[in-house]
Amino acid sequence: MLDNLREDWTLEELQDEADQLRTRINRFRTSLGRFFVHKQELIDLMVVTAIAQEPLLLVGPPGTAKSDLVLKFKDALGLGEDDYFEYMLTRFTEPSEIIGPIDISQLREGRYVRREQGKLPTARLAFLDEIFKSNSAILNILLTIINERKFYQDGVPQPVRLRVLFAATNEVPEQSELAALKDRFCLKAESQSVQDAHFAELIDSGIEGEVARTFHQKPWSEGHCTLEDLLKANRYLMHLFARKHRSSRSQEQNDREVFFPPDVFDEFRRLVKTLQNGDKIFISDRKLVKLYKLFRIRAWLFTGGTVTRDDLRLLAYLGESHQEIELLRTKVPMLLGLEG
């Protein structure tokens, strides 16, 4: 269990290790992709959002590998059960199932304290299946945990250990009461059936997975990187975001001025306006800021730093409904001229 994991690394401590971090994380994401059929794009998104510590929503019908992606991701990071929490939510799910039952001995003393061990507040990585089927009590708890990284014990806010959250849904509901939770998932990615284009590969890979399960093997746990590597990458990039750079004219430049070329930034602005005005895609101010962070992390991971037009592909994952998800999947690459 990762109880004493540091998260206060300085920039000086991380600078010398940054290239090795990139190498390990890239090896992790490409190696994990070998155990799935045509899911590399989703795995890449999972890695980027995990580094960013932003939640990712996986959308798709049953049987399209959503839970399998998360389980193998967890195993490949070497996380034990004490650092992992998963649950399938329903409208009957009670808070005790998510954040722990009430401690009866403390209740007798007038304190309302939950025994959170083994539940969401003590996990480092969590997977919540059918997240939008939860009731209002669970929704309020999840919003607090996702937004503020805390939950309440006897009326007192307590920090949670959660750093990586994946959720899944078969359907994307349109009820207004779910809008706040949906907006917290900056990116929503569709996990599609692959049988039409990859029939034989699907059968072969599926049987290999069945064999591994039967013999309790985890060949995807190759030890390429750990959760600590992802946390270090996050911390390193946060240090870079905060740093002021000196130009040749001794003028200070912020992160955007150094790592987001003006032509690519203008393209970002243009695409946002096109999607908002032309296609009525809602993009909140908060989401724009999150997108910047995700662009930069993807750029660092894939090419070493500077944001390119290819990183703007992430705009394809802003859909708030099945119709928007399907539209953006084809329209954003087309607008970027990156259909290939």
C-alpha atoms as a PDB file:
ATOM      1  CA  MET A   1       0.000   0.000   0.000  1.00  0.00           C
ATOM      2  CA  LEU A   2       1.366   3.406  -1.025  1.00  0.00           C
ATOM      3  CA  ASP A   3       0.905   5.115   2.329  1.00  0.00           C
ATOM      4  CA  ASN A   4       4.110   7.116   2.507  1.00  0.00           C
ATOM      5  CA  LEU A   5       4.449   8.083  -1.148  1.00  0.00           C
ATOM      6  CA  ARG A   6       6.036  11.514  -1.543  1.00  0.00           C
ATOM      7  CA  GLU A   7       4.352  14.082  -3.747  1.00  0.00           C
ATOM      8  CA  ASP A   8       6.390  17.187  -2.900  1.00  0.00           C
ATOM      9  CA  TRP A   9       9.314  16.722  -5.296  1.00  0.00           C
ATOM     10  CA  THR A  10      11.140  19.906  -6.267  1.00  0.00           C
ATOM     11  CA  LEU A  11      11.888  20.881  -9.860  1.00  0.00           C
ATOM     12  CA  GLU A  12      15.588  20.319  -9.207  1.00  0.00           C
ATOM     13  CA  GLU A  13      14.891  16.762  -8.068  1.00  0.00           C
ATOM     14  CA  LEU A  14      12.792  15.989 -11.133  1.00  0.00           C
ATOM     15  CA  GLN A  15      14.720  17.710 -13.927  1.00  0.00           C
ATOM     16  CA  ASP A  16      17.429  15.078 -14.253  1.00  0.00           C
ATOM     17  CA  GLU A  17      14.821  12.309 -14.194  1.00  0.00           C
ATOM     18  CA  ALA A  18      12.315  13.864 -16.626  1.00  0.00           C
ATOM     19  CA  ASP A  19      13.602  12.136 -19.775  1.00  0.00           C
ATOM     20  CA  GLN A  20      13.694   8.773 -18.021  1.00  0.00           C
ATOM     21  CA  LEU A  21      10.123   9.345 -16.789  1.00  0.00           C
ATOM     22  CA  ARG A  22       8.963  10.021 -20.350  1.00  0.00           C
ATOM     23  CA  THR A  23      10.715   6.901 -21.602  1.00  0.00           C
ATOM     24  CA  ARG A  24       9.199   4.675 -18.904  1.00  0.00           C
ATOM     25  CA  ILE A  25       5.685   6.052 -19.335  1.00  0.00           C
ATOM     26  CA  ASN A  26       5.817   5.770 -23.125  1.00  0.00           C
ATOM     27  CA  ARG A  27       7.044   2.200 -22.849  1.00  0.00           C
ATOM     28  CA  PHE A  28       4.163   1.522 -20.454  1.00  0.00           C
ATOM     29  CA  ARG A  29       1.460   2.864 -22.791  1.00  0.00           C
ATOM     30  CA  THR A  30       2.761   1.173 -25.949  1.00  0.00           C
ATOM     31  CA  SER A  31       3.369  -2.146 -24.189  1.00  0.00           C
ATOM     32  CA  LEU A  32      -0.099  -2.165 -22.671  1.00  0.00           C
ATOM     33  CA  GLY A  33      -1.571  -1.578 -26.115  1.00  0.00           C
ATOM     34  CA  ARG A  34      -0.268  -4.990 -27.233  1.00  0.00           C
ATOM     35  CA  PHE A  35      -2.840  -6.711 -25.037  1.00  0.00           C
ATOM     36  CA  PHE A  36      -5.835  -5.077 -26.704  1.00  0.00           C
ATOM     37  CA  VAL A  37      -7.213  -4.864 -30.213  1.00  0.00           C
ATOM     38  CA  HIS A  38      -7.343  -1.340 -31.617  1.00  0.00           C
ATOM     39  CA  LYS A  39      -7.448   0.364 -28.189  1.00  0.00           C
ATOM     40  CA  GLN A  40      -4.145   2.268 -28.269  1.00  0.00           C
ATOM     41  CA  GLU A  41      -5.937   5.599 -28.661  1.00  0.00           C
ATOM     42  CA  LEU A  42      -7.905   4.972 -25.458  1.00  0.00           C
ATOM     43  CA  ILE A  43      -4.815   3.813 -23.568  1.00  0.00           C
ATOM     44  CA  ASP A  44      -2.983   6.973 -24.633  1.00  0.00           C
ATOM     45  CA  LEU A  45      -5.881   9.053 -23.297  1.00  0.00           C
ATOM     46  CA  MET A  46      -5.854   7.111 -20.042  1.00  0.00           C
ATOM     47  CA  VAL A  47      -2.150   7.817 -19.597  1.00  0.00           C
ATOM     48  CA  VAL A  48      -2.478  11.540 -20.411  1.00  0.00           C
ATOM     49  CA  THR A  49      -5.424  12.038 -18.045  1.00  0.00           C
ATOM     50  CA  ALA A  50      -3.714   9.975 -15.339  1.00  0.00           C
ATOM     51  CA  ILE A  51      -0.655  12.230 -15.489  1.00  0.00           C
ATOM     52  CA  ALA A  52      -2.927  15.279 -15.449  1.00  0.00           C
ATOM     53  CA  GLN A  53      -4.902  13.766 -12.543  1.00  0.00           C
ATOM     54  CA  GLU A  54      -8.072  14.546 -14.474  1.00  0.00           C
ATOM     55  CA  PRO A  55     -10.924  12.004 -14.558  1.00  0.00           C
ATOM     56  CA  LEU A  56     -11.675  10.211 -17.823  1.00  0.00           C
ATOM     57  CA  LEU A  57     -15.079   8.860 -18.864  1.00  0.00           C
ATOM     58  CA  LEU A  58     -15.184   5.758 -21.055  1.00  0.00           C
ATOM     59  CA  VAL A  59     -18.400   5.488 -23.070  1.00  0.00           C
ATOM     60  CA  GLY A  60     -19.633   2.439 -24.915  1.00  0.00           C
ATOM     61  CA  PRO A  61     -21.898  -0.610 -24.931  1.00  0.00           C
ATOM     62  CA  PRO A  62     -21.185  -3.644 -22.711  1.00  0.00           C
ATOM     63  CA  GLY A  63     -18.409  -5.910 -23.913  1.00  0.00           C
ATOM     64  CA  THR A  64     -16.168  -3.265 -25.470  1.00  0.00           C
ATOM     65  CA  ALA A  65     -13.290  -3.654 -22.976  1.00  0.00           C
ATOM     66  CA  LYS A  66     -13.984  -0.607 -20.780  1.00  0.00           C
ATOM     67  CA  SER A  67     -13.450  -2.379 -17.459  1.00  0.00           C
ATOM     68  CA  ASP A  68     -10.703  -4.584 -18.907  1.00  0.00           C
ATOM     69  CA  LEU A  69      -8.750  -1.483 -19.941  1.00  0.00           C
ATOM     70  CA  VAL A  70      -8.842  -0.144 -16.388  1.00  0.00           C
ATOM     71  CA  LEU A  71      -8.008  -3.471 -14.718  1.00  0.00           C
ATOM     72  CA  LYS A  72      -5.001  -4.094 -16.933  1.00  0.00           C
ATOM     73  CA  PHE A  73      -3.916  -0.450 -16.530  1.00  0.00           C
ATOM     74  CA  LYS A  74      -3.991  -0.937 -12.751  1.00  0.00           C
ATOM     75  CA  ASP A  75      -2.120  -4.242 -12.931  1.00  0.00           C
ATOM     76  CA  ALA A  76       0.500  -2.811 -15.302  1.00  0.00           C
ATOM     77  CA  LEU A  77       1.210  -0.036 -12.781  1.00  0.00           C
ATOM     78  CA  GLY A  78       1.775  -2.698 -10.129  1.00  0.00           C
ATOM     79  CA  LEU A  79      -0.975  -1.390  -7.873  1.00  0.00           C
ATOM     80  CA  GLY A  80      -2.297  -3.709  -5.178  1.00  0.00           C
ATOM     81  CA  GLU A  81      -5.889  -4.043  -4.081  1.00  0.00           C
ATOM     82  CA  ASP A  82      -5.361  -1.642  -1.148  1.00  0.00           C
ATOM     83  CA  ASP A  83      -4.635   1.163  -3.608  1.00  0.00           C
ATOM     84  CA  TYR A  84      -7.477   0.349  -5.994  1.00  0.00           C
ATOM     85  CA  PHE A  85     -11.246   0.704  -5.695  1.00  0.00           C
ATOM     86  CA  GLU A  86     -13.905  -0.271  -8.201  1.00  0.00           C
ATOM     87  CA  TYR A  87     -17.671  -0.278  -7.980  1.00  0.00           C
ATOM     88  CA  MET A  88     -20.679  -0.543 -10.245  1.00  0.00           C
ATOM     89  CA  LEU A  89     -23.153   2.138  -9.260  1.00  0.00           C
ATOM     90  CA  THR A  90     -26.944   1.916  -9.275  1.00  0.00           C
ATOM     91  CA  ARG A  91     -29.680   4.222  -8.049  1.00  0.00           C
ATOM     92  CA  PHE A  92     -29.809   2.052  -4.916  1.00  0.00           C
ATOM     93  CA  THR A  93     -26.096   2.419  -4.075  1.00  0.00           C
ATOM     94  CA  GLU A  94     -25.624   3.776  -0.552  1.00  0.00           C
ATOM     95  CA  PRO A  95     -22.805   6.092   0.591  1.00  0.00           C
ATOM     96  CA  SER A  96     -21.485   3.355   2.891  1.00  0.00           C
ATOM     97  CA  GLU A  97     -20.668   1.255  -0.188  1.00  0.00           C
ATOM     98  CA  ILE A  98     -18.489   4.030  -1.603  1.00  0.00           C
ATOM     99  CA  ILE A  99     -16.928   5.862   1.343  1.00  0.00           C
ATOM    100  CA  GLY A 100     -17.361   3.287   4.094  1.00  0.00           C
ATOM    101  CA  PRO A 101     -19.869   2.286   6.773  1.00  0.00           C
ATOM    102  CA  ILE A 102     -20.525   4.298   9.894  1.00  0.00           C
ATOM    103  CA  ASP A 103     -18.270   3.349  12.809  1.00  0.00           C
ATOM    104  CA  ILE A 104     -20.828   2.188  15.384  1.00  0.00           C
ATOM    105  CA  SER A 105     -18.452   2.490  18.345  1.00  0.00           C
ATOM    106  CA  GLN A 106     -17.783   6.160  17.530  1.00  0.00           C
ATOM    107  CA  LEU A 107     -21.450   6.778  16.810  1.00  0.00           C
ATOM    108  CA  ARG A 108     -22.210   5.770  20.414  1.00  0.00           C
ATOM    109  CA  GLU A 109     -19.909   8.610  21.448  1.00  0.00           C
ATOM    110  CA  GLY A 110     -21.808  11.061  19.272  1.00  0.00           C
ATOM    111  CA  ARG A 111     -19.349  11.102  16.361  1.00  0.00           C
ATOM    112  CA  TYR A 112     -20.412  10.437  12.759  1.00  0.00           C
ATOM    113  CA  VAL A 113     -17.267   8.797  11.385  1.00  0.00           C
ATOM    114  CA  ARG A 114     -16.979   6.329   8.532  1.00  0.00           C
ATOM    115  CA  ARG A 115     -14.572   3.407   8.312  1.00  0.00           C
ATOM    116  CA  GLU A 116     -13.148   4.404   4.932  1.00  0.00           C
ATOM    117  CA  GLN A 117     -10.383   1.794   4.651  1.00  0.00           C
ATOM    118  CA  GLY A 118     -10.716  -0.140   1.396  1.00  0.00           C
ATOM    119  CA  LYS A 119     -13.190   2.349  -0.033  1.00  0.00           C
ATOM    120  CA  LEU A 120     -12.897   5.276  -2.452  1.00  0.00           C
ATOM    121  CA  PRO A 121     -11.226   7.764  -0.027  1.00  0.00           C
ATOM    122  CA  THR A 122      -8.218   5.482   0.541  1.00  0.00           C
ATOM    123  CA  ALA A 123      -7.668   4.367  -3.067  1.00  0.00           C
ATOM    124  CA  ARG A 124      -5.013   5.848  -5.348  1.00  0.00           C
ATOM    125  CA  LEU A 125      -6.766   4.691  -8.517  1.00  0.00           C
ATOM    126  CA  ALA A 126     -10.511   4.102  -8.836  1.00  0.00           C
ATOM    127  CA  PHE A 127     -12.939   2.836 -11.435  1.00  0.00           C
ATOM    128  CA  LEU A 128     -16.638   3.697 -11.150  1.00  0.00           C
ATOM    129  CA  ASP A 129     -18.799   1.776 -13.591  1.00  0.00           C
ATOM    130  CA  GLU A 130     -22.183   3.141 -14.683  1.00  0.00           C
ATOM    131  CA  ILE A 131     -21.393   6.352 -12.847  1.00  0.00           C
ATOM    132  CA  PHE A 132     -24.481   8.230 -14.053  1.00  0.00           C
ATOM    133  CA  LYS A 133     -26.856   5.679 -12.521  1.00  0.00           C
ATOM    134  CA  SER A 134     -25.927   6.843  -9.032  1.00  0.00           C
ATOM    135  CA  ASN A 135     -28.380   8.714  -6.829  1.00  0.00           C
ATOM    136  CA  SER A 136     -28.163  12.294  -5.574  1.00  0.00           C
ATOM    137  CA  ALA A 137     -26.394  11.351  -2.319  1.00  0.00           C
ATOM    138  CA  ILE A 138     -23.611   9.600  -4.236  1.00  0.00           C
ATOM    139  CA  LEU A 139     -23.436  12.391  -6.830  1.00  0.00           C
ATOM    140  CA  ASN A 140     -22.795  14.981  -4.107  1.00  0.00           C
ATOM    141  CA  ILE A 141     -20.067  12.842  -2.573  1.00  0.00           C
ATOM    142  CA  LEU A 142     -18.394  12.276  -5.960  1.00  0.00           C
ATOM    143  CA  LEU A 143     -18.487  15.961  -6.880  1.00  0.00           C
ATOM    144  CA  THR A 144     -16.711  16.864  -3.643  1.00  0.00           C
ATOM    145  CA  ILE A 145     -14.090  14.153  -4.113  1.00  0.00           C
ATOM    146  CA  ILE A 146     -13.434  15.006  -7.784  1.00  0.00           C
ATOM    147  CA  ASN A 147     -13.479  18.793  -7.320  1.00  0.00           C
ATOM    148  CA  GLU A 148     -11.797  19.223  -3.973  1.00  0.00           C
ATOM    149  CA  ARG A 149     -10.131  15.870  -3.270  1.00  0.00           C
ATOM    150  CA  LYS A 150     -11.848  15.571   0.091  1.00  0.00           C
ATOM    151  CA  PHE A 151     -14.774  13.993   1.892  1.00  0.00           C
ATOM    152  CA  TYR A 152     -16.341  14.728   5.249  1.00  0.00           C
ATOM    153  CA  GLN A 153     -15.800  12.859   8.491  1.00  0.00           C
ATOM    154  CA  ASP A 154     -18.042  14.068  11.318  1.00  0.00           C
ATOM    155  CA  GLY A 155     -18.475  17.358   9.463  1.00  0.00           C
ATOM    156  CA  VAL A 156     -14.717  17.874   9.057  1.00  0.00           C
ATOM    157  CA  PRO A 157     -13.151  17.769   5.561  1.00  0.00           C
ATOM    158  CA  GLN A 158     -10.573  15.018   5.127  1.00  0.00           C
ATOM    159  CA  PRO A 159      -8.221  14.674   2.127  1.00  0.00           C
ATOM    160  CA  VAL A 160      -8.569  11.623  -0.092  1.00  0.00           C
ATOM    161  CA  ARG A 161      -5.658   9.667  -1.574  1.00  0.00           C
ATOM    162  CA  LEU A 162      -7.327   9.394  -4.978  1.00  0.00           C
ATOM    163  CA  ARG A 163      -5.147  10.572  -7.868  1.00  0.00           C
ATOM    164  CA  VAL A 164      -6.482   8.684 -10.901  1.00  0.00           C
ATOM    165  CA  LEU A 165     -10.186   8.228 -11.646  1.00  0.00           C
ATOM    166  CA  PHE A 166     -11.702   6.350 -14.548  1.00  0.00           C
ATOM    167  CA  ALA A 167     -15.448   6.000 -14.970  1.00  0.00           C
ATOM    168  CA  ALA A 168     -17.612   4.229 -17.495  1.00  0.00           C
ATOM    169  CA  THR A 169     -21.130   4.398 -18.830  1.00  0.00           C
ATOM    170  CA  ASN A 170     -23.142   2.541 -21.432  1.00  0.00           C
ATOM    171  CA  GLU A 171     -25.320   5.583 -22.049  1.00  0.00           C
ATOM    172  CA  VAL A 172     -24.680   9.319 -21.705  1.00  0.00           C
ATOM    173  CA  PRO A 173     -27.820  10.671 -20.005  1.00  0.00           C
ATOM    174  CA  GLU A 174     -29.101  14.176 -20.624  1.00  0.00           C
ATOM    175  CA  GLN A 175     -30.781  14.888 -17.275  1.00  0.00           C
ATOM    176  CA  SER A 176     -29.949  18.371 -16.032  1.00  0.00           C
ATOM    177  CA  GLU A 177     -29.099  17.141 -12.528  1.00  0.00           C
ATOM    178  CA  LEU A 178     -26.139  15.225 -14.012  1.00  0.00           C
ATOM    179  CA  ALA A 179     -24.692  18.224 -15.872  1.00  0.00           C
ATOM    180  CA  ALA A 180     -22.270  19.184 -13.094  1.00  0.00           C
ATOM    181  CA  LEU A 181     -20.826  15.677 -12.853  1.00  0.00           C
ATOM    182  CA  LYS A 182     -20.559  15.344 -16.636  1.00  0.00           C
ATOM    183  CA  ASP A 183     -18.689  18.649 -16.849  1.00  0.00           C
ATOM    184  CA  ARG A 184     -16.074  17.374 -14.389  1.00  0.00           C
ATOM    185  CA  PHE A 185     -15.054  14.831 -17.024  1.00  0.00           C
ATOM    186  CA  CYS A 186     -13.233  17.104 -19.432  1.00  0.00           C
ATOM    187  CA  LEU A 187     -12.669  14.213 -21.838  1.00  0.00           C
ATOM    188  CA  LYS A 188     -15.177  11.526 -22.763  1.00  0.00           C
ATOM    189  CA  ALA A 189     -13.887   8.761 -25.016  1.00  0.00           C
ATOM    190  CA  GLU A 190     -15.872   6.113 -26.839  1.00  0.00           C
ATOM    191  CA  SER A 191     -14.835   2.473 -26.624  1.00  0.00           C
ATOM    192  CA  GLN A 192     -16.200   0.950 -29.806  1.00  0.00           C
ATOM    193  CA  SER A 193     -16.715  -2.638 -30.903  1.00  0.00           C
ATOM    194  CA  VAL A 194     -13.803  -3.805 -33.067  1.00  0.00           C
ATOM    195  CA  GLN A 195     -15.259  -7.029 -34.495  1.00  0.00           C
ATOM    196  CA  ASP A 196     -16.122  -5.646 -37.933  1.00  0.00           C
ATOM    197  CA  ALA A 197     -12.599  -4.525 -38.797  1.00  0.00           C
ATOM    198  CA  HIS A 198     -10.539  -6.833 -36.553  1.00  0.00           C
ATOM    199  CA  PHE A 199     -12.517 -10.073 -36.275  1.00  0.00           C
ATOM    200  CA  ALA A 200      -9.654 -12.582 -36.217  1.00  0.00           C
ATOM    201  CA  GLU A 201      -7.460 -10.382 -33.999  1.00  0.00           C
ATOM    202  CA  LEU A 202     -10.338 -10.008 -31.542  1.00  0.00           C
ATOM    203  CA  ILE A 203     -10.814 -13.788 -31.274  1.00  0.00           C
ATOM    204  CA  ASP A 204      -7.082 -14.472 -30.870  1.00  0.00           C
ATOM    205  CA  SER A 205      -6.580 -11.723 -28.289  1.00  0.00           C
ATOM    206  CA  GLY A 206      -9.720 -12.693 -26.398  1.00  0.00           C
ATOM    207  CA  ILE A 207      -8.649 -16.325 -26.100  1.00  0.00           C
ATOM    208  CA  GLU A 208      -5.219 -15.236 -24.867  1.00  0.00           C
ATOM    209  CA  GLY A 209      -6.974 -13.179 -22.207  1.00  0.00           C
ATOM    210  CA  GLU A 210      -9.146 -16.143 -21.190  1.00  0.00           C
ATOM    211  CA  VAL A 211      -6.050 -18.338 -20.850  1.00  0.00           C
ATOM    212  CA  ALA A 212      -4.296 -15.716 -18.712  1.00  0.00           C
ATOM    213  CA  ARG A 213      -7.352 -15.444 -16.470  1.00  0.00           C
ATOM    214  CA  THR A 214      -7.662 -19.210 -16.078  1.00  0.00           C
ATOM    215  CA  PHE A 215      -4.035 -19.630 -15.046  1.00  0.00           C
ATOM    216  CA  HIS A 216      -4.002 -16.443 -12.916  1.00  0.00           C
ATOM    217  CA  GLN A 217      -1.362 -14.842 -15.125  1.00  0.00           C
ATOM    218  CA  LYS A 218      -0.896 -11.132 -15.788  1.00  0.00           C
ATOM    219  CA  PRO A 219       1.531 -10.867 -18.697  1.00  0.00           C
ATOM    220  CA  TRP A 220       0.629  -7.191 -19.114  1.00  0.00           C
ATOM    221  CA  SER A 221       2.225  -6.462 -15.703  1.00  0.00           C
ATOM    222  CA  GLU A 222       5.629  -5.807 -17.200  1.00  0.00           C
ATOM    223  CA  GLY A 223       6.887  -3.246 -14.683  1.00  0.00           C
ATOM    224  CA  HIS A 224       7.590  -0.495 -17.189  1.00  0.00           C
ATOM    225  CA  CYS A 225       6.328   2.307 -14.934  1.00  0.00           C
ATOM    226  CA  THR A 226       4.591   2.866 -11.623  1.00  0.00           C
ATOM    227  CA  LEU A 227       2.006   5.215 -10.209  1.00  0.00           C
ATOM    228  CA  GLU A 228       4.901   7.142  -8.669  1.00  0.00           C
ATOM    229  CA  ASP A 229       6.223   7.806 -12.182  1.00  0.00           C
ATOM    230  CA  LEU A 230       2.849   9.299 -13.180  1.00  0.00           C
ATOM    231  CA  LEU A 231       2.767  11.442 -10.050  1.00  0.00           C
ATOM    232  CA  LYS A 232       6.317  12.637 -10.657  1.00  0.00           C
ATOM    233  CA  ALA A 233       5.416  13.543 -14.240  1.00  0.00           C
ATOM    234  CA  ASN A 234       2.464  15.563 -12.967  1.00  0.00           C
ATOM    235  CA  ARG A 235       4.605  17.366 -10.422  1.00  0.00           C
ATOM    236  CA  TYR A 236       7.330  18.075 -12.990  1.00  0.00           C
ATOM    237  CA  LEU A 237       4.871  19.616 -15.436  1.00  0.00           C
ATOM    238  CA  MET A 238       3.217  21.681 -12.713  1.00  0.00           C
ATOM    239  CA  HIS A 239       6.652  23.102 -11.908  1.00  0.00           C
ATOM    240  CA  LEU A 240       7.125  23.929 -15.600  1.00  0.00           C
ATOM    241  CA  PHE A 241       3.711  25.623 -15.762  1.00  0.00           C
ATOM    242  CA  ALA A 242       4.688  27.818 -12.817  1.00  0.00           C
ATOM    243  CA  ARG A 243       8.127  28.745 -14.128  1.00  0.00           C
ATOM    244  CA  LYS A 244       8.849  32.072 -15.824  1.00  0.00           C
ATOM    245  CA  HIS A 245      11.218  31.880 -18.781  1.00  0.00           C
ATOM    246  CA  ARG A 246      13.672  34.535 -19.950  1.00  0.00           C
ATOM    247  CA  SER A 247      13.626  35.314 -23.669  1.00  0.00           C
ATOM    248  CA  SER A 248      16.609  36.591 -25.616  1.00  0.00           C
ATOM    249  CA  ARG A 249      15.400  40.117 -24.906  1.00  0.00           C
ATOM    250  CA  SER A 250      15.333  39.384 -21.165  1.00  0.00           C
ATOM    251  CA  GLN A 251      11.550  39.503 -21.164  1.00  0.00           C
ATOM    252  CA  GLU A 252       9.693  37.046 -18.977  1.00  0.00           C
ATOM    253  CA  GLN A 253       7.523  34.520 -20.782  1.00  0.00           C
ATOM    254  CA  ASN A 254       4.966  32.204 -19.270  1.00  0.00           C
ATOM    255  CA  ASP A 255       4.416  28.566 -20.164  1.00  0.00           C
ATOM    256  CA  ARG A 256       1.965  29.305 -22.982  1.00  0.00           C
ATOM    257  CA  GLU A 257       4.313  31.766 -24.653  1.00  0.00           C
ATOM    258  CA  VAL A 258       7.130  29.213 -24.634  1.00  0.00           C
ATOM    259  CA  PHE A 259       5.380  25.895 -25.313  1.00  0.00           C
ATOM    260  CA  PHE A 260       2.246  26.833 -27.269  1.00  0.00           C
ATOM    261  CA  PRO A 261       3.275  28.359 -30.653  1.00  0.00           C
ATOM    262  CA  PRO A 262       1.072  31.310 -31.702  1.00  0.00           C
ATOM    263  CA  ASP A 263      -0.203  29.623 -34.860  1.00  0.00           C
ATOM    264  CA  VAL A 264      -1.227  26.490 -32.935  1.00  0.00           C
ATOM    265  CA  PHE A 265      -2.827  28.601 -30.185  1.00  0.00           C
ATOM    266  CA  ASP A 266      -4.788  30.567 -32.810  1.00  0.00           C
ATOM    267  CA  GLU A 267      -5.925  27.256 -34.295  1.00  0.00           C
ATOM    268  CA  PHE A 268      -7.064  26.161 -30.821  1.00  0.00           C
ATOM    269  CA  ARG A 269      -9.069  29.369 -30.433  1.00  0.00           C
ATOM    270  CA  ARG A 270     -10.555  29.008 -33.926  1.00  0.00           C
ATOM    271  CA  LEU A 271     -11.608  25.417 -33.362  1.00  0.00           C
ATOM    272  CA  VAL A 272     -13.251  26.246 -30.043  1.00  0.00           C
ATOM    273  CA  LYS A 273     -15.284  29.024 -31.681  1.00  0.00           C
ATOM    274  CA  THR A 274     -16.230  26.763 -34.586  1.00  0.00           C
ATOM    275  CA  LEU A 275     -17.416  23.988 -32.272  1.00  0.00           C
ATOM    276  CA  GLN A 276     -19.284  26.385 -29.995  1.00  0.00           C
ATOM    277  CA  ASN A 277     -20.931  28.547 -32.645  1.00  0.00           C
ATOM    278  CA  GLY A 278     -21.337  26.103 -35.492  1.00  0.00           C
ATOM    279  CA  ASP A 279     -22.029  22.845 -33.667  1.00  0.00           C
ATOM    280  CA  LYS A 280     -23.363  24.193 -30.338  1.00  0.00           C
ATOM    281  CA  ILE A 281     -20.779  22.241 -28.326  1.00  0.00           C
ATOM    282  CA  PHE A 282     -20.684  23.679 -24.813  1.00  0.00           C
ATOM    283  CA  ILE A 283     -17.137  24.274 -23.572  1.00  0.00           C
ATOM    284  CA  SER A 284     -16.957  25.865 -20.134  1.00  0.00           C
ATOM    285  CA  ASP A 285     -14.186  28.239 -19.054  1.00  0.00           C
ATOM    286  CA  ARG A 286     -12.987  25.586 -16.605  1.00  0.00           C
ATOM    287  CA  LYS A 287     -12.777  23.051 -19.415  1.00  0.00           C
ATOM    288  CA  LEU A 288     -10.622  25.372 -21.555  1.00  0.00           C
ATOM    289  CA  VAL A 289      -8.061  25.577 -18.755  1.00  0.00           C
ATOM    290  CA  LYS A 290      -8.133  21.800 -18.305  1.00  0.00           C
ATOM    291  CA  LEU A 291      -7.630  21.401 -22.047  1.00  0.00           C
ATOM    292  CA  TYR A 292      -4.488  23.529 -21.959  1.00  0.00           C
ATOM    293  CA  LYS A 293      -3.052  21.274 -19.261  1.00  0.00           C
ATOM    294  CA  LEU A 294      -3.973  18.140 -21.216  1.00  0.00           C
ATOM    295  CA  PHE A 295      -2.484  19.517 -24.471  1.00  0.00           C
ATOM    296  CA  ARG A 296       0.787  20.269 -22.725  1.00  0.00           C
ATOM    297  CA  ILE A 297       0.968  16.886 -21.033  1.00  0.00           C
ATOM    298  CA  ARG A 298       0.252  15.079 -24.294  1.00  0.00           C
ATOM    299  CA  ALA A 299       2.882  17.187 -26.051  1.00  0.00           C
ATOM    300  CA  TRP A 300       5.470  16.457 -23.350  1.00  0.00           C
ATOM    301  CA  LEU A 301       4.717  12.746 -23.453  1.00  0.00           C
ATOM    302  CA  PHE A 302       4.642  12.334 -27.236  1.00  0.00           C
ATOM    303  CA  THR A 303       7.182  14.864 -28.501  1.00  0.00           C
ATOM    304  CA  GLY A 304       8.951  16.397 -25.520  1.00  0.00           C
ATOM    305  CA  GLY A 305       7.157  19.664 -24.897  1.00  0.00           C
ATOM    306  CA  THR A 306       5.899  22.043 -27.577  1.00  0.00           C
ATOM    307  CA  VAL A 307       2.198  21.746 -28.411  1.00  0.00           C
ATOM    308  CA  THR A 308       1.481  20.838 -32.046  1.00  0.00           C
ATOM    309  CA  ARG A 309      -1.674  20.648 -34.140  1.00  0.00           C
ATOM    310  CA  ASP A 310      -1.728  16.907 -33.499  1.00  0.00           C
ATOM    311  CA  ASP A 311      -2.209  17.531 -29.752  1.00  0.00           C
ATOM    312  CA  LEU A 312      -5.377  19.489 -30.556  1.00  0.00           C
ATOM    313  CA  ARG A 313      -6.945  16.112 -31.401  1.00  0.00           C
ATOM    314  CA  LEU A 314      -8.051  16.063 -27.774  1.00  0.00           C
ATOM    315  CA  LEU A 315     -10.865  18.434 -28.783  1.00  0.00           C
ATOM    316  CA  ALA A 316     -12.497  15.370 -30.350  1.00  0.00           C
ATOM    317  CA  TYR A 317     -13.318  14.098 -26.836  1.00  0.00           C
ATOM    318  CA  LEU A 318     -15.461  17.005 -25.621  1.00  0.00           C
ATOM    319  CA  GLY A 319     -18.843  15.514 -26.551  1.00  0.00           C
ATOM    320  CA  GLU A 320     -21.568  15.646 -23.906  1.00  0.00           C
ATOM    321  CA  SER A 321     -23.929  13.237 -25.693  1.00  0.00           C
ATOM    322  CA  HIS A 322     -23.669  10.252 -28.030  1.00  0.00           C
ATOM    323  CA  GLN A 323     -24.489  12.537 -30.955  1.00  0.00           C
ATOM    324  CA  GLU A 324     -21.748  15.025 -30.026  1.00  0.00           C
ATOM    325  CA  ILE A 325     -19.236  12.246 -29.392  1.00  0.00           C
ATOM    326  CA  GLU A 326     -19.899  10.782 -32.839  1.00  0.00           C
ATOM    327  CA  LEU A 327     -19.785  14.208 -34.508  1.00  0.00           C
ATOM    328  CA  LEU A 328     -16.514  15.305 -32.917  1.00  0.00           C
ATOM    329  CA  ARG A 329     -14.788  11.982 -33.570  1.00  0.00           C
ATOM    330  CA  THR A 330     -14.775  12.758 -37.298  1.00  0.00           C
ATOM    331  CA  LYS A 331     -15.121  16.536 -37.417  1.00  0.00           C
ATOM    332  CA  VAL A 332     -12.138  17.586 -35.278  1.00  0.00           C
ATOM    333  CA  PRO A 333      -9.536  15.595 -37.272  1.00  0.00           C
ATOM    334  CA  MET A 334     -11.142  16.925 -40.455  1.00  0.00           C
ATOM    335  CA  LEU A 335     -10.908  20.531 -39.262  1.00  0.00           C
ATOM    336  CA  LEU A 336      -7.284  19.943 -38.320  1.00  0.00           C
ATOM    337  CA  GLY A 337      -6.497  18.225 -41.611  1.00  0.00           C
ATOM    338  CA  LEU A 338      -5.389  15.148 -39.670  1.00  0.00           C
ATOM    339  CA  GLU A 339      -7.870  12.542 -40.927  1.00  0.00           C
ATOM    340  CA  GLY A 340      -5.073  10.051 -41.451  1.00  0.00           C
END
